[in-house]
Amino acid sequence: MALSSVSFAQGVSARREAGALYVSLSDVVTKLGYSVSESAESFTVRFDGTVLTVFANSPDITVNGEENTLSSSVFEEKNEWFAPDDALSFLNVTLNGTSLSFPNGGTGVLEFPATSATFGSTRSEVVDLGNSVTGVSFYAPGNAGEETVSVLMLDLKLLALAFPDQQKALDAVSSKFTKGKPIYFLVTALAPSSWESSFTLEQQGRVLQYGGSSLSLLEGDANTGSPEVPVSGVLVLPDLVNLRQPITVTWSGITASVQFRR
């Protein structure tokens, strides 16, 4: 299995507030292609003969005129509507960990706000994928804008925790890397672009360089990527690296500090 088949492009915005999980209804219904109407006070979805309405700052929900109550209040943030995760069942969407299964057969993954660091026209951010899975993303400019090329890196051994519905296939790939500490990377591009296929990692004065034959490509090309053909691969860190301590990662002149395990 090529790990780029894990679809990060199907991300659904999510928030954790006061111990509760909130999911973007705006994102979910867009991916499902449902009809939507909204006002400052309410958000209404129409699909398969069903009319569902939620209300701003209220746990109340109506389905075909029948009233129900969610576990907590819905809220709107920057034109995006968030509801507690129990609202998903009314849309026939199943949540498993941080993965979503849509009634049309599609899948998605929850994406949480990240701590960002900006470096001019390049950017890096530490990403919380849920279930104690932490990754780091890098963005580089190109002919499709400032984020034409992006690189996501995370601990391969924890990938199935972020995508439990794909655990069997992910475990099969992970089992191929029995030595060292494998770090998975995914390169995506908004337009056909070259990408920098070298990485530098540093921890406690130890500097590790990866590129060329030291990268294990799973799919794609070591020089170019496109929207249709993402690139995925693995770089294997030596056992002396502690994934529970900060690691400085540099890609394409962008530097970030990440702790892959908590």
Protein backbone atom coordinates (compact mmCIF):
# COMPACT_ATOMS: atom_id res chain seq x y z
CA MET A 1 0.00 0.00 0.00
CA ALA A 2 1.26 3.50 -0.82
CA LEU A 3 0.65 5.65 2.22
CA SER A 4 -0.26 8.65 0.11
CA SER A 5 -3.64 6.94 -0.26
CA VAL A 6 -4.32 8.28 3.23
CA SER A 7 -6.20 11.34 2.09
CA PHE A 8 -5.06 14.43 3.95
CA ALA A 9 -6.86 16.46 1.28
CA GLN A 10 -10.16 15.35 2.83
CA GLY A 11 -9.44 17.23 6.05
CA VAL A 12 -12.35 18.41 8.17
CA SER A 13 -11.75 21.26 10.60
CA ALA A 14 -12.21 20.38 14.26
CA ARG A 15 -11.80 22.01 17.66
CA ARG A 16 -11.43 20.83 21.23
CA GLU A 17 -13.19 23.18 23.63
CA ALA A 18 -13.63 22.55 27.37
CA GLY A 19 -13.01 18.84 26.86
CA ALA A 20 -15.58 18.50 24.07
CA LEU A 21 -14.88 17.68 20.42
CA TYR A 22 -16.42 19.97 17.80
CA VAL A 23 -16.50 19.23 14.07
CA SER A 24 -17.01 21.69 11.22
CA LEU A 25 -20.48 21.09 9.80
CA SER A 26 -19.53 23.50 7.02
CA ASP A 27 -16.71 21.20 5.89
CA VAL A 28 -18.74 18.00 6.22
CA VAL A 29 -21.73 19.16 4.19
CA THR A 30 -19.45 20.66 1.52
CA LYS A 31 -17.71 17.31 1.06
CA LEU A 32 -21.09 15.58 0.88
CA GLY A 33 -22.47 18.09 -1.62
CA TYR A 34 -25.55 18.87 0.49
CA SER A 35 -27.63 22.01 0.02
CA VAL A 36 -27.06 24.64 2.72
CA SER A 37 -28.70 27.86 3.82
CA GLU A 38 -27.60 29.95 6.75
CA SER A 39 -28.21 33.15 8.63
CA ALA A 40 -26.63 34.77 11.66
CA GLU A 41 -28.82 32.59 13.89
CA SER A 42 -29.06 29.21 12.13
CA PHE A 43 -27.48 26.72 9.72
CA THR A 44 -29.78 24.47 7.67
CA VAL A 45 -28.81 21.40 5.64
CA ARG A 46 -31.06 19.64 3.10
CA PHE A 47 -30.32 16.11 1.88
CA ASP A 48 -32.24 12.96 0.90
CA GLY A 49 -35.58 14.46 1.93
CA THR A 50 -34.20 15.56 5.29
CA VAL A 51 -34.06 19.13 6.60
CA LEU A 52 -31.66 19.59 9.52
CA THR A 53 -31.20 22.90 11.35
CA VAL A 54 -28.81 23.89 14.12
CA PHE A 55 -28.81 27.20 15.97
CA ALA A 56 -25.99 29.50 16.98
CA ASN A 57 -24.94 29.22 20.63
CA SER A 58 -27.59 26.59 21.30
CA PRO A 59 -27.58 22.78 21.67
CA ASP A 60 -30.99 22.56 20.00
CA ILE A 61 -31.33 20.84 16.63
CA THR A 62 -34.38 20.13 14.48
CA VAL A 63 -34.68 17.27 11.99
CA ASN A 64 -37.73 17.52 9.74
CA GLY A 65 -39.33 19.71 12.38
CA GLU A 66 -38.65 17.34 15.29
CA GLU A 67 -36.61 18.79 18.12
CA ASN A 68 -33.50 17.14 19.57
CA THR A 69 -30.73 18.31 21.87
CA LEU A 70 -27.00 17.97 21.26
CA SER A 71 -24.42 17.41 24.00
CA SER A 72 -23.28 21.05 23.81
CA SER A 73 -23.97 24.25 21.93
CA VAL A 74 -23.21 24.89 18.28
CA PHE A 75 -21.06 27.91 17.48
CA GLU A 76 -20.02 29.88 14.40
CA GLU A 77 -16.44 31.05 13.89
CA LYS A 78 -15.27 33.04 10.87
CA ASN A 79 -18.23 31.89 8.76
CA GLU A 80 -17.66 28.26 9.74
CA TRP A 81 -20.21 26.34 11.83
CA PHE A 82 -18.97 23.90 14.47
CA ALA A 83 -21.11 21.34 16.28
CA PRO A 84 -20.33 18.70 18.92
CA ASP A 85 -19.41 15.34 17.43
CA ASP A 86 -22.78 13.75 18.27
CA ALA A 87 -24.31 15.92 15.53
CA LEU A 88 -22.56 13.77 12.92
CA SER A 89 -24.98 10.89 13.40
CA PHE A 90 -27.81 13.09 12.12
CA LEU A 91 -25.85 13.41 8.85
CA ASN A 92 -25.19 9.64 8.71
CA VAL A 93 -21.48 10.30 9.22
CA THR A 94 -19.48 7.92 11.44
CA LEU A 95 -16.58 9.08 13.58
CA ASN A 96 -13.84 6.57 14.49
CA GLY A 97 -11.03 8.22 16.40
CA THR A 98 -10.09 11.10 14.12
CA SER A 99 -11.37 9.46 10.93
CA LEU A 100 -14.74 10.09 9.32
CA SER A 101 -16.75 7.72 7.13
CA PHE A 102 -19.24 9.48 4.85
CA PRO A 103 -22.49 7.92 3.59
CA ASN A 104 -21.30 8.38 -0.01
CA GLY A 105 -18.36 6.04 0.68
CA GLY A 106 -15.80 8.80 1.13
CA THR A 107 -13.56 9.31 4.13
CA GLY A 108 -12.10 12.25 5.97
CA VAL A 109 -9.83 13.11 8.85
CA LEU A 110 -10.21 15.71 11.57
CA GLU A 111 -7.72 18.56 11.43
CA PHE A 112 -7.05 20.67 14.50
CA PRO A 113 -5.60 24.19 14.69
CA ALA A 114 -1.81 24.12 14.63
CA THR A 115 0.86 26.14 16.33
CA SER A 116 2.47 28.08 13.52
CA ALA A 117 5.79 29.75 12.85
CA THR A 118 6.17 32.01 9.85
CA PHE A 119 9.38 32.60 7.93
CA GLY A 120 8.65 35.20 5.23
CA SER A 121 7.03 33.44 2.29
CA THR A 122 7.69 29.99 3.80
CA ARG A 123 5.99 28.49 6.79
CA SER A 124 6.10 25.55 9.16
CA GLU A 125 3.57 24.33 11.67
CA VAL A 126 3.26 21.62 14.28
CA VAL A 127 0.06 19.67 13.61
CA ASP A 128 -2.12 17.82 16.13
CA LEU A 129 -3.75 14.86 14.32
CA GLY A 130 -5.49 13.60 17.45
CA ASN A 131 -4.93 10.47 19.54
CA SER A 132 -1.56 11.89 20.69
CA VAL A 133 -0.23 11.93 17.12
CA THR A 134 1.88 14.99 16.37
CA GLY A 135 3.37 15.93 13.02
CA VAL A 136 5.09 18.87 11.40
CA SER A 137 4.20 20.49 8.09
CA PHE A 138 6.30 22.71 5.84
CA TYR A 139 5.03 24.96 3.05
CA ALA A 140 6.99 26.46 0.17
CA PRO A 141 5.89 28.97 -2.47
CA GLY A 142 5.50 28.32 -6.18
CA ASN A 143 3.35 29.18 -9.17
CA ALA A 144 0.16 28.30 -7.26
CA GLY A 145 0.87 30.62 -4.33
CA GLU A 146 2.77 30.63 -1.06
CA GLU A 147 1.74 27.07 -0.19
CA THR A 148 2.27 25.46 -3.59
CA VAL A 149 4.30 22.61 -2.09
CA SER A 150 3.68 21.12 1.35
CA VAL A 151 5.48 18.40 3.27
CA LEU A 152 3.95 16.58 6.24
CA MET A 153 6.16 14.47 8.54
CA LEU A 154 5.09 12.21 11.41
CA ASP A 155 6.01 9.02 13.23
CA LEU A 156 5.15 6.10 10.93
CA LYS A 157 4.49 3.81 13.91
CA LEU A 158 1.72 6.16 15.12
CA LEU A 159 0.06 6.72 11.75
CA ALA A 160 -2.59 4.06 12.37
CA LEU A 161 -3.66 5.91 15.53
CA ALA A 162 -4.53 8.92 13.38
CA PHE A 163 -6.28 6.70 10.80
CA PRO A 164 -7.66 3.70 12.74
CA ASP A 165 -9.94 2.67 9.88
CA GLN A 166 -6.82 1.91 7.82
CA GLN A 167 -4.86 0.23 10.59
CA LYS A 168 -4.39 -3.16 8.90
CA ALA A 169 -2.88 -1.69 5.74
CA LEU A 170 -0.78 0.84 7.66
CA ASP A 171 0.55 -1.82 10.02
CA ALA A 172 1.62 -3.88 7.00
CA VAL A 173 3.73 -1.01 5.70
CA SER A 174 5.08 -0.16 9.15
CA SER A 175 6.20 -3.76 9.65
CA LYS A 176 8.67 -3.37 6.77
CA PHE A 177 10.70 -0.96 8.87
CA THR A 178 11.89 -3.10 11.77
CA LYS A 179 15.05 -1.17 12.63
CA GLY A 180 15.46 2.40 13.78
CA LYS A 181 12.65 4.92 14.08
CA PRO A 182 10.82 5.51 10.78
CA ILE A 183 9.42 8.94 10.03
CA TYR A 184 6.79 9.10 7.31
CA PHE A 185 6.58 12.07 4.94
CA LEU A 186 3.96 13.12 2.41
CA VAL A 187 4.64 15.73 -0.26
CA THR A 188 1.65 17.36 -1.97
CA ALA A 189 1.62 20.09 -4.61
CA LEU A 190 -1.15 22.42 -5.77
CA ALA A 191 0.49 22.55 -9.21
CA PRO A 192 3.20 20.48 -10.92
CA SER A 193 6.35 21.45 -9.02
CA SER A 194 9.81 20.34 -8.10
CA TRP A 195 10.40 19.63 -4.42
CA GLU A 196 13.47 19.59 -2.23
CA SER A 197 14.17 15.93 -1.40
CA SER A 198 16.62 16.49 1.42
CA PHE A 199 16.00 16.80 5.15
CA THR A 200 18.19 17.72 8.11
CA LEU A 201 17.32 16.64 11.64
CA GLU A 202 19.17 17.69 14.77
CA GLN A 203 18.87 16.67 18.41
CA GLN A 204 21.30 17.35 21.25
CA GLY A 205 24.11 18.27 18.89
CA ARG A 206 23.63 15.25 16.60
CA VAL A 207 23.00 16.27 12.99
CA LEU A 208 21.40 13.78 10.58
CA GLN A 209 21.18 14.35 6.82
CA TYR A 210 18.69 12.55 4.56
CA GLY A 211 18.31 12.62 0.80
CA GLY A 212 18.70 10.48 -2.28
CA SER A 213 19.21 6.82 -1.43
CA SER A 214 18.72 7.45 2.31
CA LEU A 215 15.03 8.14 1.61
CA SER A 216 12.72 5.16 1.10
CA LEU A 217 10.13 6.34 -1.43
CA LEU A 218 6.75 4.62 -1.22
CA GLU A 219 5.15 6.48 -4.11
CA GLY A 220 5.93 9.30 -6.49
CA ASP A 221 9.13 10.91 -7.71
CA ALA A 222 12.13 12.16 -5.75
CA ASN A 223 12.20 15.39 -7.77
CA THR A 224 8.67 16.40 -8.75
CA GLY A 225 5.12 16.25 -7.47
CA SER A 226 1.69 17.27 -8.72
CA PRO A 227 -1.93 17.38 -7.49
CA GLU A 228 -2.55 14.03 -9.21
CA VAL A 229 0.66 12.35 -8.05
CA PRO A 230 1.67 13.04 -4.44
CA VAL A 231 4.96 11.75 -3.10
CA SER A 232 5.30 9.65 0.04
CA GLY A 233 8.22 7.99 1.73
CA VAL A 234 10.07 7.17 4.92
CA LEU A 235 13.32 8.27 6.48
CA VAL A 236 14.64 6.04 9.25
CA LEU A 237 16.18 7.72 12.30
CA PRO A 238 18.75 5.83 14.38
CA ASP A 239 17.65 4.35 17.70
CA LEU A 240 19.64 6.95 19.64
CA VAL A 241 17.14 9.64 18.58
CA ASN A 242 14.47 10.24 21.23
CA LEU A 243 11.09 10.91 19.62
CA ARG A 244 9.76 12.11 22.98
CA GLN A 245 12.20 15.01 22.96
CA PRO A 246 12.21 18.02 20.59
CA ILE A 247 13.86 17.48 17.22
CA THR A 248 14.84 20.36 14.96
CA VAL A 249 13.82 19.58 11.40
CA THR A 250 14.92 21.60 8.38
CA TRP A 251 13.45 21.29 4.90
CA SER A 252 13.98 23.69 1.99
CA GLY A 253 15.49 26.28 4.31
CA ILE A 254 12.52 26.12 6.71
CA THR A 255 13.18 25.05 10.28
CA ALA A 256 10.77 23.78 12.93
CA SER A 257 10.98 22.02 16.28
CA VAL A 258 8.71 19.03 16.81
CA GLN A 259 8.22 16.32 19.41
CA PHE A 260 6.84 13.34 17.46
CA ARG A 261 5.78 11.43 20.57
CA ARG A 262 4.27 12.74 23.79
